[in-house]
Amino acid sequence: MRQAYGPSGNEIDNNACRREFGGSTVNPVTFLKNVSKEMKKVSWPTGKELYRYTIVTVLTVVFAAIFFGLVDLGISEILNLFF
């Protein structure tokens, strides 16, 4: 990311930021209206899908925690043999 320096050495040129990110200043009310329109286009999961995805996520986290815990335990035991 490019650093924009001003007269005191640490000021940001807002126009440079707008050019870099390709945006223009938008009224907050207009922004919220656009957000509302986009949220209506979203395909939301059903309750059953949400439940299923949540279970899959929780199980994945639990299995990953157990796996990495066992790997950590194994590595520490191997290192204890040498040191």
PDB file of N, CA and C in Angstrom:
ATOM      1  N   MET A   1       0.843  -1.169   0.000  1.00  0.00           N
ATOM      2  CA  MET A   1       0.000   0.000   0.000  1.00  0.00           C
ATOM      3  C   MET A   1       0.886   1.228   0.000  1.00  0.00           C
ATOM      4  N   ARG A   2       0.543   2.213  -0.775  1.00  0.00           N
ATOM      5  CA  ARG A   2       1.335   3.414  -0.929  1.00  0.00           C
ATOM      6  C   ARG A   2       1.058   4.382   0.203  1.00  0.00           C
ATOM      7  N   GLN A   3       2.119   4.959   0.785  1.00  0.00           N
ATOM      8  CA  GLN A   3       1.982   5.946   1.856  1.00  0.00           C
ATOM      9  C   GLN A   3       1.909   7.337   1.238  1.00  0.00           C
ATOM     10  N   ALA A   4       0.889   8.106   1.620  1.00  0.00           N
ATOM     11  CA  ALA A   4       0.745   9.476   1.122  1.00  0.00           C
ATOM     12  C   ALA A   4       1.238  10.430   2.194  1.00  0.00           C
ATOM     13  N   TYR A   5       2.221  11.260   1.865  1.00  0.00           N
ATOM     14  CA  TYR A   5       2.788  12.197   2.822  1.00  0.00           C
ATOM     15  C   TYR A   5       2.304  13.606   2.534  1.00  0.00           C
ATOM     16  N   GLY A   6       2.005  14.328   3.580  1.00  0.00           N
ATOM     17  CA  GLY A   6       1.582  15.715   3.469  1.00  0.00           C
ATOM     18  C   GLY A   6       2.661  16.630   4.009  1.00  0.00           C
ATOM     19  N   PRO A   7       2.310  17.887   4.281  1.00  0.00           N
ATOM     20  CA  PRO A   7       3.287  18.853   4.761  1.00  0.00           C
ATOM     21  C   PRO A   7       3.976  18.428   6.055  1.00  0.00           C
ATOM     22  N   SER A   8       3.248  17.783   6.990  1.00  0.00           N
ATOM     23  CA  SER A   8       3.880  17.388   8.247  1.00  0.00           C
ATOM     24  C   SER A   8       4.465  15.983   8.166  1.00  0.00           C
ATOM     25  N   GLY A   9       4.324  15.328   7.043  1.00  0.00           N
ATOM     26  CA  GLY A   9       4.920  14.027   6.857  1.00  0.00           C
ATOM     27  C   GLY A   9       4.005  12.855   7.142  1.00  0.00           C
ATOM     28  N   ASN A  10       2.834  13.091   7.730  1.00  0.00           N
ATOM     29  CA  ASN A  10       1.975  11.956   8.053  1.00  0.00           C
ATOM     30  C   ASN A  10       0.511  12.192   7.708  1.00  0.00           C
ATOM     31  N   GLU A  11       0.219  13.187   6.910  1.00  0.00           N
ATOM     32  CA  GLU A  11      -1.161  13.456   6.518  1.00  0.00           C
ATOM     33  C   GLU A  11      -1.508  12.659   5.267  1.00  0.00           C
ATOM     34  N   ILE A  12      -2.748  12.272   5.151  1.00  0.00           N
ATOM     35  CA  ILE A  12      -3.191  11.452   4.026  1.00  0.00           C
ATOM     36  C   ILE A  12      -3.945  12.314   3.028  1.00  0.00           C
ATOM     37  N   ASP A  13      -3.633  12.137   1.768  1.00  0.00           N
ATOM     38  CA  ASP A  13      -4.325  12.836   0.692  1.00  0.00           C
ATOM     39  C   ASP A  13      -5.592  12.052   0.361  1.00  0.00           C
ATOM     40  N   ASN A  14      -6.756  12.572   0.758  1.00  0.00           N
ATOM     41  CA  ASN A  14      -8.020  11.861   0.558  1.00  0.00           C
ATOM     42  C   ASN A  14      -8.310  11.607  -0.916  1.00  0.00           C
ATOM     43  N   ASN A  15      -7.961  12.546  -1.780  1.00  0.00           N
ATOM     44  CA  ASN A  15      -8.205  12.345  -3.206  1.00  0.00           C
ATOM     45  C   ASN A  15      -7.383  11.180  -3.748  1.00  0.00           C
ATOM     46  N   ALA A  16      -6.158  11.035  -3.260  1.00  0.00           N
ATOM     47  CA  ALA A  16      -5.326   9.909  -3.694  1.00  0.00           C
ATOM     48  C   ALA A  16      -5.945   8.595  -3.244  1.00  0.00           C
ATOM     49  N   CYS A  17      -6.497   8.571  -2.038  1.00  0.00           N
ATOM     50  CA  CYS A  17      -7.151   7.351  -1.540  1.00  0.00           C
ATOM     51  C   CYS A  17      -8.360   7.007  -2.397  1.00  0.00           C
ATOM     52  N   ARG A  18      -9.155   8.008  -2.750  1.00  0.00           N
ATOM     53  CA  ARG A  18     -10.335   7.757  -3.581  1.00  0.00           C
ATOM     54  C   ARG A  18      -9.927   7.223  -4.947  1.00  0.00           C
ATOM     55  N   ARG A  19      -8.869   7.811  -5.528  1.00  0.00           N
ATOM     56  CA  ARG A  19      -8.412   7.346  -6.836  1.00  0.00           C
ATOM     57  C   ARG A  19      -7.896   5.915  -6.742  1.00  0.00           C
ATOM     58  N   GLU A  20      -7.151   5.617  -5.693  1.00  0.00           N
ATOM     59  CA  GLU A  20      -6.551   4.288  -5.558  1.00  0.00           C
ATOM     60  C   GLU A  20      -7.618   3.215  -5.385  1.00  0.00           C
ATOM     61  N   PHE A  21      -8.655   3.497  -4.630  1.00  0.00           N
ATOM     62  CA  PHE A  21      -9.689   2.514  -4.365  1.00  0.00           C
ATOM     63  C   PHE A  21     -10.874   2.649  -5.308  1.00  0.00           C
ATOM     64  N   GLY A  22     -10.836   3.585  -6.225  1.00  0.00           N
ATOM     65  CA  GLY A  22     -11.848   3.699  -7.261  1.00  0.00           C
ATOM     66  C   GLY A  22     -13.202   4.149  -6.777  1.00  0.00           C
ATOM     67  N   GLY A  23     -13.275   4.732  -5.619  1.00  0.00           N
ATOM     68  CA  GLY A  23     -14.573   5.121  -5.079  1.00  0.00           C
ATOM     69  C   GLY A  23     -14.753   6.620  -5.070  1.00  0.00           C
ATOM     70  N   SER A  24     -15.984   7.009  -4.882  1.00  0.00           N
ATOM     71  CA  SER A  24     -16.282   8.418  -4.709  1.00  0.00           C
ATOM     72  C   SER A  24     -17.036   8.556  -3.399  1.00  0.00           C
ATOM     73  N   THR A  25     -17.127   9.762  -2.917  1.00  0.00           N
ATOM     74  CA  THR A  25     -17.829   9.989  -1.666  1.00  0.00           C
ATOM     75  C   THR A  25     -19.321   9.780  -1.878  1.00  0.00           C
ATOM     76  N   VAL A  26     -19.937   8.980  -1.004  1.00  0.00           N
ATOM     77  CA  VAL A  26     -21.358   8.671  -1.112  1.00  0.00           C
ATOM     78  C   VAL A  26     -22.044   9.132   0.157  1.00  0.00           C
ATOM     79  N   ASN A  27     -23.205   9.706  -0.019  1.00  0.00           N
ATOM     80  CA  ASN A  27     -24.023  10.122   1.110  1.00  0.00           C
ATOM     81  C   ASN A  27     -24.343   8.885   1.954  1.00  0.00           C
ATOM     82  N   PRO A  28     -24.220   8.956   3.292  1.00  0.00           N
ATOM     83  CA  PRO A  28     -24.505   7.784   4.133  1.00  0.00           C
ATOM     84  C   PRO A  28     -25.915   7.226   3.945  1.00  0.00           C
ATOM     85  N   VAL A  29     -26.896   8.080   3.706  1.00  0.00           N
ATOM     86  CA  VAL A  29     -28.265   7.602   3.501  1.00  0.00           C
ATOM     87  C   VAL A  29     -28.341   6.799   2.206  1.00  0.00           C
ATOM     88  N   THR A  30     -27.702   7.300   1.155  1.00  0.00           N
ATOM     89  CA  THR A  30     -27.666   6.585  -0.122  1.00  0.00           C
ATOM     90  C   THR A  30     -26.954   5.248   0.042  1.00  0.00           C
ATOM     91  N   PHE A  31     -25.865   5.266   0.792  1.00  0.00           N
ATOM     92  CA  PHE A  31     -25.124   4.032   1.038  1.00  0.00           C
ATOM     93  C   PHE A  31     -26.015   2.997   1.724  1.00  0.00           C
ATOM     94  N   LEU A  32     -26.740   3.401   2.755  1.00  0.00           N
ATOM     95  CA  LEU A  32     -27.609   2.467   3.477  1.00  0.00           C
ATOM     96  C   LEU A  32     -28.749   1.957   2.602  1.00  0.00           C
ATOM     97  N   LYS A  33     -29.271   2.808   1.730  1.00  0.00           N
ATOM     98  CA  LYS A  33     -30.310   2.356   0.800  1.00  0.00           C
ATOM     99  C   LYS A  33     -29.751   1.297  -0.149  1.00  0.00           C
ATOM    100  N   ASN A  34     -28.529   1.530  -0.635  1.00  0.00           N
ATOM    101  CA  ASN A  34     -27.893   0.558  -1.530  1.00  0.00           C
ATOM    102  C   ASN A  34     -27.618  -0.757  -0.802  1.00  0.00           C
ATOM    103  N   VAL A  35     -27.200  -0.658   0.453  1.00  0.00           N
ATOM    104  CA  VAL A  35     -26.971  -1.869   1.239  1.00  0.00           C
ATOM    105  C   VAL A  35     -28.270  -2.651   1.384  1.00  0.00           C
ATOM    106  N   SER A  36     -29.356  -1.950   1.665  1.00  0.00           N
ATOM    107  CA  SER A  36     -30.655  -2.606   1.818  1.00  0.00           C
ATOM    108  C   SER A  36     -31.066  -3.318   0.530  1.00  0.00           C
ATOM    109  N   LYS A  37     -30.855  -2.668  -0.613  1.00  0.00           N
ATOM    110  CA  LYS A  37     -31.189  -3.289  -1.900  1.00  0.00           C
ATOM    111  C   LYS A  37     -30.361  -4.552  -2.133  1.00  0.00           C
ATOM    112  N   GLU A  38     -29.065  -4.473  -1.825  1.00  0.00           N
ATOM    113  CA  GLU A  38     -28.195  -5.627  -2.043  1.00  0.00           C
ATOM    114  C   GLU A  38     -28.535  -6.768  -1.091  1.00  0.00           C
ATOM    115  N   MET A  39     -28.906  -6.452   0.142  1.00  0.00           N
ATOM    116  CA  MET A  39     -29.248  -7.500   1.109  1.00  0.00           C
ATOM    117  C   MET A  39     -30.505  -8.253   0.690  1.00  0.00           C
ATOM    118  N   LYS A  40     -31.402  -7.592  -0.029  1.00  0.00           N
ATOM    119  CA  LYS A  40     -32.608  -8.267  -0.520  1.00  0.00           C
ATOM    120  C   LYS A  40     -32.283  -9.263  -1.626  1.00  0.00           C
ATOM    121  N   LYS A  41     -31.139  -9.079  -2.302  1.00  0.00           N
ATOM    122  CA  LYS A  41     -30.735  -9.978  -3.378  1.00  0.00           C
ATOM    123  C   LYS A  41     -30.038 -11.234  -2.851  1.00  0.00           C
ATOM    124  N   VAL A  42     -29.653 -11.220  -1.590  1.00  0.00           N
ATOM    125  CA  VAL A  42     -28.895 -12.331  -1.016  1.00  0.00           C
ATOM    126  C   VAL A  42     -29.780 -13.564  -0.891  1.00  0.00           C
ATOM    127  N   SER A  43     -29.223 -14.700  -1.232  1.00  0.00           N
ATOM    128  CA  SER A  43     -29.924 -15.970  -1.062  1.00  0.00           C
ATOM    129  C   SER A  43     -29.593 -16.499   0.335  1.00  0.00           C
ATOM    130  N   TRP A  44     -30.510 -16.292   1.282  1.00  0.00           N
ATOM    131  CA  TRP A  44     -30.278 -16.674   2.664  1.00  0.00           C
ATOM    132  C   TRP A  44     -30.554 -18.157   2.845  1.00  0.00           C
ATOM    133  N   PRO A  45     -29.769 -18.831   3.717  1.00  0.00           N
ATOM    134  CA  PRO A  45     -30.018 -20.257   3.954  1.00  0.00           C
ATOM    135  C   PRO A  45     -31.294 -20.468   4.764  1.00  0.00           C
ATOM    136  N   THR A  46     -31.907 -21.621   4.553  1.00  0.00           N
ATOM    137  CA  THR A  46     -33.085 -21.965   5.351  1.00  0.00           C
ATOM    138  C   THR A  46     -32.620 -22.350   6.756  1.00  0.00           C
ATOM    139  N   GLY A  47     -33.567 -22.498   7.654  1.00  0.00           N
ATOM    140  CA  GLY A  47     -33.228 -22.878   9.022  1.00  0.00           C
ATOM    141  C   GLY A  47     -32.517 -24.219   9.088  1.00  0.00           C
ATOM    142  N   LYS A  48     -32.970 -25.161   8.265  1.00  0.00           N
ATOM    143  CA  LYS A  48     -32.368 -26.491   8.229  1.00  0.00           C
ATOM    144  C   LYS A  48     -30.930 -26.424   7.713  1.00  0.00           C
ATOM    145  N   GLU A  49     -30.718 -25.634   6.656  1.00  0.00           N
ATOM    146  CA  GLU A  49     -29.367 -25.472   6.112  1.00  0.00           C
ATOM    147  C   GLU A  49     -28.450 -24.801   7.127  1.00  0.00           C
ATOM    148  N   LEU A  50     -28.965 -23.779   7.784  1.00  0.00           N
ATOM    149  CA  LEU A  50     -28.170 -23.061   8.778  1.00  0.00           C
ATOM    150  C   LEU A  50     -27.755 -23.993   9.906  1.00  0.00           C
ATOM    151  N   TYR A  51     -28.674 -24.824  10.378  1.00  0.00           N
ATOM    152  CA  TYR A  51     -28.378 -25.796  11.429  1.00  0.00           C
ATOM    153  C   TYR A  51     -27.291 -26.768  10.962  1.00  0.00           C
ATOM    154  N   ARG A  52     -27.453 -27.275   9.748  1.00  0.00           N
ATOM    155  CA  ARG A  52     -26.496 -28.241   9.201  1.00  0.00           C
ATOM    156  C   ARG A  52     -25.111 -27.614   9.054  1.00  0.00           C
ATOM    157  N   TYR A  53     -25.038 -26.395   8.520  1.00  0.00           N
ATOM    158  CA  TYR A  53     -23.750 -25.723   8.341  1.00  0.00           C
ATOM    159  C   TYR A  53     -23.091 -25.430   9.686  1.00  0.00           C
ATOM    160  N   THR A  54     -23.897 -25.088  10.681  1.00  0.00           N
ATOM    161  CA  THR A  54     -23.353 -24.808  12.007  1.00  0.00           C
ATOM    162  C   THR A  54     -22.750 -26.068  12.614  1.00  0.00           C
ATOM    163  N   ILE A  55     -23.446 -27.192  12.487  1.00  0.00           N
ATOM    164  CA  ILE A  55     -22.932 -28.460  13.012  1.00  0.00           C
ATOM    165  C   ILE A  55     -21.621 -28.831  12.319  1.00  0.00           C
ATOM    166  N   VAL A  56     -21.578 -28.689  11.006  1.00  0.00           N
ATOM    167  CA  VAL A  56     -20.357 -29.008  10.259  1.00  0.00           C
ATOM    168  C   VAL A  56     -19.207 -28.122  10.717  1.00  0.00           C
ATOM    169  N   THR A  57     -19.464 -26.844  10.924  1.00  0.00           N
ATOM    170  CA  THR A  57     -18.421 -25.917  11.356  1.00  0.00           C
ATOM    171  C   THR A  57     -17.902 -26.278  12.742  1.00  0.00           C
ATOM    172  N   VAL A  58     -18.810 -26.543  13.673  1.00  0.00           N
ATOM    173  CA  VAL A  58     -18.402 -26.881  15.038  1.00  0.00           C
ATOM    174  C   VAL A  58     -17.601 -28.183  15.052  1.00  0.00           C
ATOM    175  N   LEU A  59     -18.060 -29.197  14.330  1.00  0.00           N
ATOM    176  CA  LEU A  59     -17.327 -30.463  14.284  1.00  0.00           C
ATOM    177  C   LEU A  59     -15.948 -30.299  13.649  1.00  0.00           C
ATOM    178  N   THR A  60     -15.855 -29.486  12.612  1.00  0.00           N
ATOM    179  CA  THR A  60     -14.567 -29.240  11.970  1.00  0.00           C
ATOM    180  C   THR A  60     -13.599 -28.580  12.939  1.00  0.00           C
ATOM    181  N   VAL A  61     -14.078 -27.602  13.690  1.00  0.00           N
ATOM    182  CA  VAL A  61     -13.227 -26.915  14.662  1.00  0.00           C
ATOM    183  C   VAL A  61     -12.780 -27.883  15.757  1.00  0.00           C
ATOM    184  N   VAL A  62     -13.693 -28.711  16.252  1.00  0.00           N
ATOM    185  CA  VAL A  62     -13.348 -29.674  17.305  1.00  0.00           C
ATOM    186  C   VAL A  62     -12.301 -30.668  16.798  1.00  0.00           C
ATOM    187  N   PHE A  63     -12.518 -31.240  15.620  1.00  0.00           N
ATOM    188  CA  PHE A  63     -11.551 -32.198  15.081  1.00  0.00           C
ATOM    189  C   PHE A  63     -10.197 -31.543  14.804  1.00  0.00           C
ATOM    190  N   ALA A  64     -10.196 -30.319  14.305  1.00  0.00           N
ATOM    191  CA  ALA A  64      -8.934 -29.614  14.056  1.00  0.00           C
ATOM    192  C   ALA A  64      -8.205 -29.356  15.373  1.00  0.00           C
ATOM    193  N   ALA A  65      -8.936 -28.972  16.414  1.00  0.00           N
ATOM    194  CA  ALA A  65      -8.316 -28.722  17.717  1.00  0.00           C
ATOM    195  C   ALA A  65      -7.708 -30.002  18.282  1.00  0.00           C
ATOM    196  N   ILE A  66      -8.435 -31.109  18.180  1.00  0.00           N
ATOM    197  CA  ILE A  66      -7.907 -32.390  18.664  1.00  0.00           C
ATOM    198  C   ILE A  66      -6.674 -32.795  17.861  1.00  0.00           C
ATOM    199  N   PHE A  67      -6.754 -32.672  16.538  1.00  0.00           N
ATOM    200  CA  PHE A  67      -5.634 -33.053  15.679  1.00  0.00           C
ATOM    201  C   PHE A  67      -4.383 -32.248  16.013  1.00  0.00           C
ATOM    202  N   PHE A  68      -4.515 -30.918  16.046  1.00  0.00           N
ATOM    203  CA  PHE A  68      -3.341 -30.087  16.308  1.00  0.00           C
ATOM    204  C   PHE A  68      -2.850 -30.240  17.743  1.00  0.00           C
ATOM    205  N   GLY A  69      -3.756 -30.522  18.670  1.00  0.00           N
ATOM    206  CA  GLY A  69      -3.333 -30.803  20.041  1.00  0.00           C
ATOM    207  C   GLY A  69      -2.494 -32.063  20.113  1.00  0.00           C
ATOM    208  N   LEU A  70      -2.918 -33.114  19.407  1.00  0.00           N
ATOM    209  CA  LEU A  70      -2.149 -34.360  19.385  1.00  0.00           C
ATOM    210  C   LEU A  70      -0.807 -34.183  18.676  1.00  0.00           C
ATOM    211  N   VAL A  71      -0.796 -33.426  17.588  1.00  0.00           N
ATOM    212  CA  VAL A  71       0.466 -33.153  16.890  1.00  0.00           C
ATOM    213  C   VAL A  71       1.412 -32.392  17.812  1.00  0.00           C
ATOM    214  N   ASP A  72       0.906 -31.396  18.518  1.00  0.00           N
ATOM    215  CA  ASP A  72       1.721 -30.621  19.446  1.00  0.00           C
ATOM    216  C   ASP A  72       2.262 -31.511  20.560  1.00  0.00           C
ATOM    217  N   LEU A  73       1.408 -32.368  21.100  1.00  0.00           N
ATOM    218  CA  LEU A  73       1.828 -33.287  22.153  1.00  0.00           C
ATOM    219  C   LEU A  73       2.914 -34.230  21.636  1.00  0.00           C
ATOM    220  N   GLY A  74       2.724 -34.756  20.433  1.00  0.00           N
ATOM    221  CA  GLY A  74       3.725 -35.650  19.850  1.00  0.00           C
ATOM    222  C   GLY A  74       5.059 -34.970  19.631  1.00  0.00           C
ATOM    223  N   ILE A  75       5.034 -33.772  19.089  1.00  0.00           N
ATOM    224  CA  ILE A  75       6.284 -33.043  18.843  1.00  0.00           C
ATOM    225  C   ILE A  75       6.977 -32.720  20.157  1.00  0.00           C
ATOM    226  N   SER A  76       6.214 -32.315  21.167  1.00  0.00           N
ATOM    227  CA  SER A  76       6.837 -31.988  22.455  1.00  0.00           C
ATOM    228  C   SER A  76       7.443 -33.232  23.101  1.00  0.00           C
ATOM    229  N   GLU A  77       6.793 -34.388  22.961  1.00  0.00           N
ATOM    230  CA  GLU A  77       7.355 -35.629  23.515  1.00  0.00           C
ATOM    231  C   GLU A  77       8.628 -36.026  22.778  1.00  0.00           C
ATOM    232  N   ILE A  78       8.641 -35.864  21.470  1.00  0.00           N
ATOM    233  CA  ILE A  78       9.844 -36.174  20.692  1.00  0.00           C
ATOM    234  C   ILE A  78      10.982 -35.255  21.099  1.00  0.00           C
ATOM    235  N   LEU A  79      10.704 -33.979  21.269  1.00  0.00           N
ATOM    236  CA  LEU A  79      11.746 -33.039  21.679  1.00  0.00           C
ATOM    237  C   LEU A  79      12.230 -33.328  23.094  1.00  0.00           C
ATOM    238  N   ASN A  80      11.339 -33.792  23.971  1.00  0.00           N
ATOM    239  CA  ASN A  80      11.748 -34.130  25.336  1.00  0.00           C
ATOM    240  C   ASN A  80      12.706 -35.320  25.356  1.00  0.00           C
ATOM    241  N   LEU A  81      12.634 -36.200  24.363  1.00  0.00           N
ATOM    242  CA  LEU A  81      13.564 -37.327  24.295  1.00  0.00           C
ATOM    243  C   LEU A  81      14.995 -36.859  24.036  1.00  0.00           C
ATOM    244  N   PHE A  82      15.143 -35.764  23.288  1.00  0.00           N
ATOM    245  CA  PHE A  82      16.469 -35.283  22.916  1.00  0.00           C
ATOM    246  C   PHE A  82      17.008 -34.218  23.859  1.00  0.00           C
ATOM    247  N   PHE A  83      16.165 -33.540  24.584  1.00  0.00           N
ATOM    248  CA  PHE A  83      16.640 -32.436  25.427  1.00  0.00           C
ATOM    249  C   PHE A  83      16.315 -32.680  26.850  1.00  0.00           C
TER     250      PHE A  83
END
